Amino acid sequence: MRTVLTLLLTLALTQPTLAKPKPKITMADAKSTALKRIPGKLKSAELETEKGKLVYSFDIITDAKKIMEVQIDAMTGEVVEVEEETPEHEKQEEQKDRKRAAKK
């Protein structure tokens, strides 16, 4: 019995954790990169997982009054995606956020 408990404890302590990886890039650095790519006024910023990658997502209002979403890889600092936010896209994002919040 003691051997089994020791084995279980050893396995539990040596297994990698399933915790969310920590970003290597700071929010401030990612914000700077995003605003260099799409100049404008920052509307929102968040750290999220998109398509299996940990990314910072920034909504930026341009001088032309368009809302652009810029995603920055939280591990490398590279721009992952840039797209214009449409009302339909924002609605889909809100639904995803609600589902994520309900799971927590």
PDB file of N, CA and C in Angstrom:
ATOM      1  N   MET A   1       0.828  -1.195   0.000  1.00  0.00           N
ATOM      2  CA  MET A   1       0.000   0.000   0.000  1.00  0.00           C
ATOM      3  C   MET A   1       0.871   1.256   0.000  1.00  0.00           C
ATOM      4  N   ARG A   2       1.894   1.239   0.826  1.00  0.00           N
ATOM      5  CA  ARG A   2       2.791   2.377   0.925  1.00  0.00           C
ATOM      6  C   ARG A   2       3.503   2.613  -0.416  1.00  0.00           C
ATOM      7  N   THR A   3       3.874   1.542  -1.102  1.00  0.00           N
ATOM      8  CA  THR A   3       4.543   1.639  -2.392  1.00  0.00           C
ATOM      9  C   THR A   3       3.622   2.270  -3.438  1.00  0.00           C
ATOM     10  N   VAL A   4       2.355   1.892  -3.410  1.00  0.00           N
ATOM     11  CA  VAL A   4       1.387   2.450  -4.358  1.00  0.00           C
ATOM     12  C   VAL A   4       1.207   3.943  -4.106  1.00  0.00           C
ATOM     13  N   LEU A   5       1.093   4.345  -2.861  1.00  0.00           N
ATOM     14  CA  LEU A   5       0.946   5.760  -2.532  1.00  0.00           C
ATOM     15  C   LEU A   5       2.183   6.556  -2.944  1.00  0.00           C
ATOM     16  N   THR A   6       3.346   5.992  -2.721  1.00  0.00           N
ATOM     17  CA  THR A   6       4.588   6.657  -3.118  1.00  0.00           C
ATOM     18  C   THR A   6       4.637   6.831  -4.634  1.00  0.00           C
ATOM     19  N   LEU A   7       4.253   5.790  -5.349  1.00  0.00           N
ATOM     20  CA  LEU A   7       4.245   5.853  -6.810  1.00  0.00           C
ATOM     21  C   LEU A   7       3.261   6.908  -7.313  1.00  0.00           C
ATOM     22  N   LEU A   8       2.066   6.932  -6.762  1.00  0.00           N
ATOM     23  CA  LEU A   8       1.068   7.927  -7.168  1.00  0.00           C
ATOM     24  C   LEU A   8       1.531   9.344  -6.873  1.00  0.00           C
ATOM     25  N   LEU A   9       2.117   9.542  -5.712  1.00  0.00           N
ATOM     26  CA  LEU A   9       2.613  10.862  -5.343  1.00  0.00           C
ATOM     27  C   LEU A   9       3.743  11.294  -6.281  1.00  0.00           C
ATOM     28  N   THR A  10       4.628  10.386  -6.599  1.00  0.00           N
ATOM     29  CA  THR A  10       5.728  10.683  -7.514  1.00  0.00           C
ATOM     30  C   THR A  10       5.200  11.068  -8.896  1.00  0.00           C
ATOM     31  N   LEU A  11       4.238  10.306  -9.392  1.00  0.00           N
ATOM     32  CA  LEU A  11       3.648  10.622 -10.695  1.00  0.00           C
ATOM     33  C   LEU A  11       2.961  11.982 -10.691  1.00  0.00           C
ATOM     34  N   ALA A  12       2.242  12.259  -9.620  1.00  0.00           N
ATOM     35  CA  ALA A  12       1.526  13.535  -9.535  1.00  0.00           C
ATOM     36  C   ALA A  12       2.487  14.712  -9.518  1.00  0.00           C
ATOM     37  N   LEU A  13       3.604  14.567  -8.846  1.00  0.00           N
ATOM     38  CA  LEU A  13       4.558  15.670  -8.727  1.00  0.00           C
ATOM     39  C   LEU A  13       5.423  15.856  -9.967  1.00  0.00           C
ATOM     40  N   THR A  14       5.589  14.808 -10.762  1.00  0.00           N
ATOM     41  CA  THR A  14       6.473  14.918 -11.921  1.00  0.00           C
ATOM     42  C   THR A  14       5.737  15.178 -13.225  1.00  0.00           C
ATOM     43  N   GLN A  15       4.433  15.112 -13.239  1.00  0.00           N
ATOM     44  CA  GLN A  15       3.667  15.360 -14.456  1.00  0.00           C
ATOM     45  C   GLN A  15       3.616  16.859 -14.729  1.00  0.00           C
ATOM     46  N   PRO A  16       3.703  17.251 -15.999  1.00  0.00           N
ATOM     47  CA  PRO A  16       3.587  18.683 -16.313  1.00  0.00           C
ATOM     48  C   PRO A  16       2.185  19.166 -15.975  1.00  0.00           C
ATOM     49  N   THR A  17       2.098  20.389 -15.561  1.00  0.00           N
ATOM     50  CA  THR A  17       0.788  20.933 -15.216  1.00  0.00           C
ATOM     51  C   THR A  17       0.002  21.233 -16.479  1.00  0.00           C
ATOM     52  N   LEU A  18      -1.294  21.252 -16.351  1.00  0.00           N
ATOM     53  CA  LEU A  18      -2.172  21.558 -17.471  1.00  0.00           C
ATOM     54  C   LEU A  18      -2.590  23.021 -17.453  1.00  0.00           C
ATOM     55  N   ALA A  19      -1.855  23.814 -16.684  1.00  0.00           N
ATOM     56  CA  ALA A  19      -2.173  25.237 -16.573  1.00  0.00           C
ATOM     57  C   ALA A  19      -1.934  25.941 -17.911  1.00  0.00           C
ATOM     58  N   LYS A  20      -2.648  27.016 -18.086  1.00  0.00           N
ATOM     59  CA  LYS A  20      -2.504  27.848 -19.284  1.00  0.00           C
ATOM     60  C   LYS A  20      -1.077  28.397 -19.343  1.00  0.00           C
ATOM     61  N   PRO A  21      -0.440  28.332 -20.501  1.00  0.00           N
ATOM     62  CA  PRO A  21       0.927  28.858 -20.585  1.00  0.00           C
ATOM     63  C   PRO A  21       0.943  30.370 -20.319  1.00  0.00           C
ATOM     64  N   LYS A  22       2.035  30.830 -19.743  1.00  0.00           N
ATOM     65  CA  LYS A  22       2.173  32.258 -19.467  1.00  0.00           C
ATOM     66  C   LYS A  22       2.787  32.941 -20.682  1.00  0.00           C
ATOM     67  N   PRO A  23       2.278  34.124 -21.012  1.00  0.00           N
ATOM     68  CA  PRO A  23       2.833  34.831 -22.172  1.00  0.00           C
ATOM     69  C   PRO A  23       4.276  35.255 -21.926  1.00  0.00           C
ATOM     70  N   LYS A  24       5.084  35.219 -22.988  1.00  0.00           N
ATOM     71  CA  LYS A  24       6.472  35.677 -22.899  1.00  0.00           C
ATOM     72  C   LYS A  24       6.575  37.153 -23.253  1.00  0.00           C
ATOM     73  N   ILE A  25       5.554  37.671 -23.923  1.00  0.00           N
ATOM     74  CA  ILE A  25       5.507  39.071 -24.335  1.00  0.00           C
ATOM     75  C   ILE A  25       4.541  39.806 -23.407  1.00  0.00           C
ATOM     76  N   THR A  26       4.899  41.010 -23.006  1.00  0.00           N
ATOM     77  CA  THR A  26       4.006  41.772 -22.130  1.00  0.00           C
ATOM     78  C   THR A  26       2.867  42.399 -22.938  1.00  0.00           C
ATOM     79  N   MET A  27       1.788  42.706 -22.246  1.00  0.00           N
ATOM     80  CA  MET A  27       0.654  43.382 -22.879  1.00  0.00           C
ATOM     81  C   MET A  27       1.117  44.718 -23.470  1.00  0.00           C
ATOM     82  N   ALA A  28       1.980  45.432 -22.765  1.00  0.00           N
ATOM     83  CA  ALA A  28       2.464  46.737 -23.241  1.00  0.00           C
ATOM     84  C   ALA A  28       3.246  46.604 -24.552  1.00  0.00           C
ATOM     85  N   ASP A  29       4.106  45.591 -24.635  1.00  0.00           N
ATOM     86  CA  ASP A  29       4.870  45.387 -25.868  1.00  0.00           C
ATOM     87  C   ASP A  29       3.957  44.988 -27.023  1.00  0.00           C
ATOM     88  N   ALA A  30       2.991  44.114 -26.735  1.00  0.00           N
ATOM     89  CA  ALA A  30       2.045  43.686 -27.769  1.00  0.00           C
ATOM     90  C   ALA A  30       1.193  44.866 -28.244  1.00  0.00           C
ATOM     91  N   LYS A  31       0.799  45.718 -27.314  1.00  0.00           N
ATOM     92  CA  LYS A  31      -0.001  46.905 -27.659  1.00  0.00           C
ATOM     93  C   LYS A  31       0.797  47.824 -28.582  1.00  0.00           C
ATOM     94  N   SER A  32       2.055  48.019 -28.260  1.00  0.00           N
ATOM     95  CA  SER A  32       2.913  48.863 -29.087  1.00  0.00           C
ATOM     96  C   SER A  32       3.014  48.309 -30.509  1.00  0.00           C
ATOM     97  N   THR A  33       3.200  47.007 -30.625  1.00  0.00           N
ATOM     98  CA  THR A  33       3.286  46.357 -31.940  1.00  0.00           C
ATOM     99  C   THR A  33       1.983  46.529 -32.710  1.00  0.00           C
ATOM    100  N   ALA A  34       0.858  46.342 -32.031  1.00  0.00           N
ATOM    101  CA  ALA A  34      -0.453  46.453 -32.680  1.00  0.00           C
ATOM    102  C   ALA A  34      -0.697  47.875 -33.194  1.00  0.00           C
ATOM    103  N   LEU A  35      -0.350  48.870 -32.374  1.00  0.00           N
ATOM    104  CA  LEU A  35      -0.584  50.256 -32.774  1.00  0.00           C
ATOM    105  C   LEU A  35       0.388  50.719 -33.866  1.00  0.00           C
ATOM    106  N   LYS A  36       1.541  50.088 -33.957  1.00  0.00           N
ATOM    107  CA  LYS A  36       2.445  50.387 -35.084  1.00  0.00           C
ATOM    108  C   LYS A  36       1.860  49.827 -36.373  1.00  0.00           C
ATOM    109  N   ARG A  37       1.239  48.660 -36.263  1.00  0.00           N
ATOM    110  CA  ARG A  37       0.643  48.012 -37.450  1.00  0.00           C
ATOM    111  C   ARG A  37      -0.610  48.744 -37.907  1.00  0.00           C
ATOM    112  N   ILE A  38      -1.479  49.105 -36.950  1.00  0.00           N
ATOM    113  CA  ILE A  38      -2.726  49.825 -37.249  1.00  0.00           C
ATOM    114  C   ILE A  38      -2.799  51.028 -36.311  1.00  0.00           C
ATOM    115  N   PRO A  39      -2.368  52.200 -36.773  1.00  0.00           N
ATOM    116  CA  PRO A  39      -2.446  53.390 -35.918  1.00  0.00           C
ATOM    117  C   PRO A  39      -3.908  53.746 -35.628  1.00  0.00           C
ATOM    118  N   GLY A  40      -4.151  54.223 -34.421  1.00  0.00           N
ATOM    119  CA  GLY A  40      -5.495  54.637 -34.042  1.00  0.00           C
ATOM    120  C   GLY A  40      -5.646  54.672 -32.529  1.00  0.00           C
ATOM    121  N   LYS A  41      -6.905  54.640 -32.097  1.00  0.00           N
ATOM    122  CA  LYS A  41      -7.231  54.703 -30.676  1.00  0.00           C
ATOM    123  C   LYS A  41      -7.622  53.308 -30.202  1.00  0.00           C
ATOM    124  N   LEU A  42      -7.000  52.854 -29.114  1.00  0.00           N
ATOM    125  CA  LEU A  42      -7.275  51.525 -28.581  1.00  0.00           C
ATOM    126  C   LEU A  42      -8.671  51.490 -27.964  1.00  0.00           C
ATOM    127  N   LYS A  43      -9.484  50.555 -28.422  1.00  0.00           N
ATOM    128  CA  LYS A  43     -10.849  50.379 -27.893  1.00  0.00           C
ATOM    129  C   LYS A  43     -10.870  49.312 -26.805  1.00  0.00           C
ATOM    130  N   SER A  44     -10.195  48.176 -27.053  1.00  0.00           N
ATOM    131  CA  SER A  44     -10.161  47.103 -26.061  1.00  0.00           C
ATOM    132  C   SER A  44      -8.928  46.239 -26.261  1.00  0.00           C
ATOM    133  N   ALA A  45      -8.578  45.524 -25.196  1.00  0.00           N
ATOM    134  CA  ALA A  45      -7.419  44.631 -25.240  1.00  0.00           C
ATOM    135  C   ALA A  45      -7.693  43.447 -24.323  1.00  0.00           C
ATOM    136  N   GLU A  46      -7.300  42.247 -24.791  1.00  0.00           N
ATOM    137  CA  GLU A  46      -7.462  41.069 -23.951  1.00  0.00           C
ATOM    138  C   GLU A  46      -6.468  39.988 -24.346  1.00  0.00           C
ATOM    139  N   LEU A  47      -6.202  39.107 -23.401  1.00  0.00           N
ATOM    140  CA  LEU A  47      -5.380  37.935 -23.647  1.00  0.00           C
ATOM    141  C   LEU A  47      -6.337  36.762 -23.800  1.00  0.00           C
ATOM    142  N   GLU A  48      -6.215  36.035 -24.909  1.00  0.00           N
ATOM    143  CA  GLU A  48      -7.142  34.937 -25.163  1.00  0.00           C
ATOM    144  C   GLU A  48      -6.469  33.845 -25.983  1.00  0.00           C
ATOM    145  N   THR A  49      -7.132  32.716 -26.077  1.00  0.00           N
ATOM    146  CA  THR A  49      -6.653  31.628 -26.920  1.00  0.00           C
ATOM    147  C   THR A  49      -7.491  31.620 -28.185  1.00  0.00           C
ATOM    148  N   GLU A  50      -6.831  31.769 -29.313  1.00  0.00           N
ATOM    149  CA  GLU A  50      -7.489  31.758 -30.627  1.00  0.00           C
ATOM    150  C   GLU A  50      -6.808  30.731 -31.503  1.00  0.00           C
ATOM    151  N   LYS A  51      -7.575  29.811 -32.033  1.00  0.00           N
ATOM    152  CA  LYS A  51      -7.040  28.779 -32.942  1.00  0.00           C
ATOM    153  C   LYS A  51      -5.840  28.067 -32.326  1.00  0.00           C
ATOM    154  N   GLY A  52      -5.934  27.815 -31.023  1.00  0.00           N
ATOM    155  CA  GLY A  52      -4.884  27.077 -30.333  1.00  0.00           C
ATOM    156  C   GLY A  52      -3.673  27.890 -29.920  1.00  0.00           C
ATOM    157  N   LYS A  53      -3.674  29.190 -30.202  1.00  0.00           N
ATOM    158  CA  LYS A  53      -2.542  30.051 -29.840  1.00  0.00           C
ATOM    159  C   LYS A  53      -2.971  31.052 -28.775  1.00  0.00           C
ATOM    160  N   LEU A  54      -2.048  31.336 -27.872  1.00  0.00           N
ATOM    161  CA  LEU A  54      -2.267  32.371 -26.882  1.00  0.00           C
ATOM    162  C   LEU A  54      -1.943  33.707 -27.548  1.00  0.00           C
ATOM    163  N   VAL A  55      -2.934  34.588 -27.646  1.00  0.00           N
ATOM    164  CA  VAL A  55      -2.743  35.856 -28.346  1.00  0.00           C
ATOM    165  C   VAL A  55      -3.301  37.020 -27.530  1.00  0.00           C
ATOM    166  N   TYR A  56      -2.702  38.170 -27.762  1.00  0.00           N
ATOM    167  CA  TYR A  56      -3.295  39.420 -27.303  1.00  0.00           C
ATOM    168  C   TYR A  56      -4.159  39.908 -28.454  1.00  0.00           C
ATOM    169  N   SER A  57      -5.381  40.290 -28.142  1.00  0.00           N
ATOM    170  CA  SER A  57      -6.299  40.780 -29.160  1.00  0.00           C
ATOM    171  C   SER A  57      -6.626  42.241 -28.857  1.00  0.00           C
ATOM    172  N   PHE A  58      -6.403  43.100 -29.839  1.00  0.00           N
ATOM    173  CA  PHE A  58      -6.637  44.536 -29.669  1.00  0.00           C
ATOM    174  C   PHE A  58      -7.652  45.006 -30.704  1.00  0.00           C
ATOM    175  N   ASP A  59      -8.661  45.733 -30.248  1.00  0.00           N
ATOM    176  CA  ASP A  59      -9.583  46.412 -31.156  1.00  0.00           C
ATOM    177  C   ASP A  59      -9.130  47.861 -31.209  1.00  0.00           C
ATOM    178  N   ILE A  60      -8.857  48.340 -32.421  1.00  0.00           N
ATOM    179  CA  ILE A  60      -8.323  49.684 -32.620  1.00  0.00           C
ATOM    180  C   ILE A  60      -9.250  50.449 -33.551  1.00  0.00           C
ATOM    181  N   ILE A  61      -9.627  51.666 -33.145  1.00  0.00           N
ATOM    182  CA  ILE A  61     -10.463  52.528 -33.979  1.00  0.00           C
ATOM    183  C   ILE A  61      -9.534  53.397 -34.822  1.00  0.00           C
ATOM    184  N   THR A  62      -9.653  53.274 -36.135  1.00  0.00           N
ATOM    185  CA  THR A  62      -8.786  54.027 -37.047  1.00  0.00           C
ATOM    186  C   THR A  62      -9.343  55.432 -37.274  1.00  0.00           C
ATOM    187  N   ASP A  63      -8.543  56.285 -37.934  1.00  0.00           N
ATOM    188  CA  ASP A  63      -9.008  57.631 -38.279  1.00  0.00           C
ATOM    189  C   ASP A  63     -10.223  57.577 -39.197  1.00  0.00           C
ATOM    190  N   ALA A  64     -10.336  56.508 -39.979  1.00  0.00           N
ATOM    191  CA  ALA A  64     -11.475  56.329 -40.890  1.00  0.00           C
ATOM    192  C   ALA A  64     -12.692  55.756 -40.157  1.00  0.00           C
ATOM    193  N   LYS A  65     -12.614  55.649 -38.814  1.00  0.00           N
ATOM    194  CA  LYS A  65     -13.706  55.164 -37.960  1.00  0.00           C
ATOM    195  C   LYS A  65     -14.003  53.680 -38.147  1.00  0.00           C
ATOM    196  N   LYS A  66     -13.038  52.930 -38.692  1.00  0.00           N
ATOM    197  CA  LYS A  66     -13.182  51.480 -38.782  1.00  0.00           C
ATOM    198  C   LYS A  66     -12.616  50.873 -37.510  1.00  0.00           C
ATOM    199  N   ILE A  67     -13.175  49.748 -37.108  1.00  0.00           N
ATOM    200  CA  ILE A  67     -12.627  49.015 -35.972  1.00  0.00           C
ATOM    201  C   ILE A  67     -11.852  47.845 -36.535  1.00  0.00           C
ATOM    202  N   MET A  68     -10.563  47.833 -36.227  1.00  0.00           N
ATOM    203  CA  MET A  68      -9.676  46.778 -36.707  1.00  0.00           C
ATOM    204  C   MET A  68      -9.232  45.939 -35.513  1.00  0.00           C
ATOM    205  N   GLU A  69      -9.270  44.615 -35.693  1.00  0.00           N
ATOM    206  CA  GLU A  69      -8.771  43.715 -34.660  1.00  0.00           C
ATOM    207  C   GLU A  69      -7.371  43.262 -35.068  1.00  0.00           C
ATOM    208  N   VAL A  70      -6.430  43.433 -34.146  1.00  0.00           N
ATOM    209  CA  VAL A  70      -5.051  43.006 -34.378  1.00  0.00           C
ATOM    210  C   VAL A  70      -4.718  41.977 -33.308  1.00  0.00           C
ATOM    211  N   GLN A  71      -4.280  40.805 -33.754  1.00  0.00           N
ATOM    212  CA  GLN A  71      -3.886  39.760 -32.815  1.00  0.00           C
ATOM    213  C   GLN A  71      -2.369  39.596 -32.849  1.00  0.00           C
ATOM    214  N   ILE A  72      -1.786  39.585 -31.646  1.00  0.00           N
ATOM    215  CA  ILE A  72      -0.343  39.466 -31.477  1.00  0.00           C
ATOM    216  C   ILE A  72      -0.059  38.169 -30.718  1.00  0.00           C
ATOM    217  N   ASP A  73       0.824  37.331 -31.252  1.00  0.00           N
ATOM    218  CA  ASP A  73       1.205  36.093 -30.590  1.00  0.00           C
ATOM    219  C   ASP A  73       1.864  36.441 -29.254  1.00  0.00           C
ATOM    220  N   ALA A  74       1.312  35.909 -28.161  1.00  0.00           N
ATOM    221  CA  ALA A  74       1.796  36.242 -26.820  1.00  0.00           C
ATOM    222  C   ALA A  74       3.128  35.581 -26.491  1.00  0.00           C
ATOM    223  N   MET A  75       3.574  34.663 -27.334  1.00  0.00           N
ATOM    224  CA  MET A  75       4.846  33.992 -27.094  1.00  0.00           C
ATOM    225  C   MET A  75       5.978  34.593 -27.929  1.00  0.00           C
ATOM    226  N   THR A  76       5.664  35.045 -29.143  1.00  0.00           N
ATOM    227  CA  THR A  76       6.713  35.542 -30.044  1.00  0.00           C
ATOM    228  C   THR A  76       6.647  37.042 -30.291  1.00  0.00           C
ATOM    229  N   GLY A  77       5.487  37.652 -30.072  1.00  0.00           N
ATOM    230  CA  GLY A  77       5.323  39.075 -30.345  1.00  0.00           C
ATOM    231  C   GLY A  77       5.008  39.388 -31.796  1.00  0.00           C
ATOM    232  N   GLU A  78       4.833  38.344 -32.618  1.00  0.00           N
ATOM    233  CA  GLU A  78       4.539  38.548 -34.037  1.00  0.00           C
ATOM    234  C   GLU A  78       3.050  38.818 -34.250  1.00  0.00           C
ATOM    235  N   VAL A  79       2.760  39.603 -35.285  1.00  0.00           N
ATOM    236  CA  VAL A  79       1.371  39.856 -35.666  1.00  0.00           C
ATOM    237  C   VAL A  79       0.821  38.567 -36.271  1.00  0.00           C
ATOM    238  N   VAL A  80      -0.283  38.080 -35.719  1.00  0.00           N
ATOM    239  CA  VAL A  80      -0.890  36.831 -36.177  1.00  0.00           C
ATOM    240  C   VAL A  80      -1.970  37.116 -37.213  1.00  0.00           C
ATOM    241  N   GLU A  81      -2.776  38.137 -36.946  1.00  0.00           N
ATOM    242  CA  GLU A  81      -3.915  38.414 -37.828  1.00  0.00           C
ATOM    243  C   GLU A  81      -4.356  39.861 -37.674  1.00  0.00           C
ATOM    244  N   VAL A  82      -4.815  40.425 -38.776  1.00  0.00           N
ATOM    245  CA  VAL A  82      -5.404  41.766 -38.779  1.00  0.00           C
ATOM    246  C   VAL A  82      -6.679  41.667 -39.599  1.00  0.00           C
ATOM    247  N   GLU A  83      -7.802  42.078 -38.999  1.00  0.00           N
ATOM    248  CA  GLU A  83      -9.043  42.057 -39.754  1.00  0.00           C
ATOM    249  C   GLU A  83      -9.971  43.160 -39.273  1.00  0.00           C
ATOM    250  N   GLU A  84     -10.856  43.579 -40.166  1.00  0.00           N
ATOM    251  CA  GLU A  84     -11.838  44.597 -39.811  1.00  0.00           C
ATOM    252  C   GLU A  84     -12.961  43.955 -39.025  1.00  0.00           C
ATOM    253  N   GLU A  85     -13.315  44.586 -37.933  1.00  0.00           N
ATOM    254  CA  GLU A  85     -14.429  44.119 -37.120  1.00  0.00           C
ATOM    255  C   GLU A  85     -15.733  44.606 -37.751  1.00  0.00           C
ATOM    256  N   THR A  86     -16.651  43.697 -37.942  1.00  0.00           N
ATOM    257  CA  THR A  86     -17.983  44.056 -38.426  1.00  0.00           C
ATOM    258  C   THR A  86     -18.958  43.822 -37.278  1.00  0.00           C
ATOM    259  N   PRO A  87     -20.153  44.410 -37.347  1.00  0.00           N
ATOM    260  CA  PRO A  87     -21.132  44.149 -36.283  1.00  0.00           C
ATOM    261  C   PRO A  87     -21.396  42.644 -36.099  1.00  0.00           C
ATOM    262  N   GLU A  88     -21.441  41.887 -37.191  1.00  0.00           N
ATOM    263  CA  GLU A  88     -21.667  40.444 -37.112  1.00  0.00           C
ATOM    264  C   GLU A  88     -20.505  39.746 -36.396  1.00  0.00           C
ATOM    265  N   HIS A  89     -19.285  40.148 -36.727  1.00  0.00           N
ATOM    266  CA  HIS A  89     -18.106  39.549 -36.088  1.00  0.00           C
ATOM    267  C   HIS A  89     -18.087  39.854 -34.594  1.00  0.00           C
ATOM    268  N   GLU A  90     -18.418  41.077 -34.221  1.00  0.00           N
ATOM    269  CA  GLU A  90     -18.447  41.447 -32.805  1.00  0.00           C
ATOM    270  C   GLU A  90     -19.497  40.639 -32.056  1.00  0.00           C
ATOM    271  N   LYS A  91     -20.651  40.404 -32.693  1.00  0.00           N
ATOM    272  CA  LYS A  91     -21.711  39.606 -32.070  1.00  0.00           C
ATOM    273  C   LYS A  91     -21.213  38.179 -31.821  1.00  0.00           C
ATOM    274  N   GLN A  92     -20.505  37.612 -32.786  1.00  0.00           N
ATOM    275  CA  GLN A  92     -19.952  36.263 -32.632  1.00  0.00           C
ATOM    276  C   GLN A  92     -18.927  36.216 -31.495  1.00  0.00           C
ATOM    277  N   GLU A  93     -18.111  37.245 -31.396  1.00  0.00           N
ATOM    278  CA  GLU A  93     -17.120  37.320 -30.319  1.00  0.00           C
ATOM    279  C   GLU A  93     -17.798  37.379 -28.955  1.00  0.00           C
ATOM    280  N   GLU A  94     -18.862  38.164 -28.840  1.00  0.00           N
ATOM    281  CA  GLU A  94     -19.603  38.272 -27.578  1.00  0.00           C
ATOM    282  C   GLU A  94     -20.204  36.923 -27.187  1.00  0.00           C
ATOM    283  N   GLN A  95     -20.731  36.187 -28.170  1.00  0.00           N
ATOM    284  CA  GLN A  95     -21.298  34.867 -27.890  1.00  0.00           C
ATOM    285  C   GLN A  95     -20.218  33.910 -27.402  1.00  0.00           C
ATOM    286  N   LYS A  96     -19.042  33.938 -28.013  1.00  0.00           N
ATOM    287  CA  LYS A  96     -17.930  33.094 -27.573  1.00  0.00           C
ATOM    288  C   LYS A  96     -17.525  33.434 -26.141  1.00  0.00           C
ATOM    289  N   ASP A  97     -17.460  34.739 -25.852  1.00  0.00           N
ATOM    290  CA  ASP A  97     -17.079  35.176 -24.504  1.00  0.00           C
ATOM    291  C   ASP A  97     -18.086  34.699 -23.470  1.00  0.00           C
ATOM    292  N   ARG A  98     -19.370  34.760 -23.791  1.00  0.00           N
ATOM    293  CA  ARG A  98     -20.407  34.298 -22.861  1.00  0.00           C
ATOM    294  C   ARG A  98     -20.285  32.792 -22.610  1.00  0.00           C
ATOM    295  N   LYS A  99     -20.015  32.028 -23.674  1.00  0.00           N
ATOM    296  CA  LYS A  99     -19.853  30.578 -23.518  1.00  0.00           C
ATOM    297  C   LYS A  99     -18.654  30.258 -22.637  1.00  0.00           C
ATOM    298  N   ARG A 100     -17.547  30.980 -22.860  1.00  0.00           N
ATOM    299  CA  ARG A 100     -16.349  30.768 -22.046  1.00  0.00           C
ATOM    300  C   ARG A 100     -16.634  31.099 -20.582  1.00  0.00           C
ATOM    301  N   ALA A 101     -17.353  32.178 -20.342  1.00  0.00           N
ATOM    302  CA  ALA A 101     -17.656  32.592 -18.972  1.00  0.00           C
ATOM    303  C   ALA A 101     -18.574  31.569 -18.299  1.00  0.00           C
ATOM    304  N   ALA A 102     -19.493  30.988 -19.054  1.00  0.00           N
ATOM    305  CA  ALA A 102     -20.412  29.992 -18.490  1.00  0.00           C
ATOM    306  C   ALA A 102     -19.690  28.709 -18.084  1.00  0.00           C
ATOM    307  N   LYS A 103     -18.599  28.384 -18.796  1.00  0.00           N
ATOM    308  CA  LYS A 103     -17.831  27.178 -18.487  1.00  0.00           C
ATOM    309  C   LYS A 103     -17.030  27.328 -17.208  1.00  0.00           C
ATOM    310  N   LYS A 104     -16.690  28.553 -16.842  1.00  0.00           N
ATOM    311  CA  LYS A 104     -15.849  28.792 -15.657  1.00  0.00           C
ATOM    312  C   LYS A 104     -16.617  28.665 -14.385  1.00  0.00           C
TER     313      LYS A 104
END
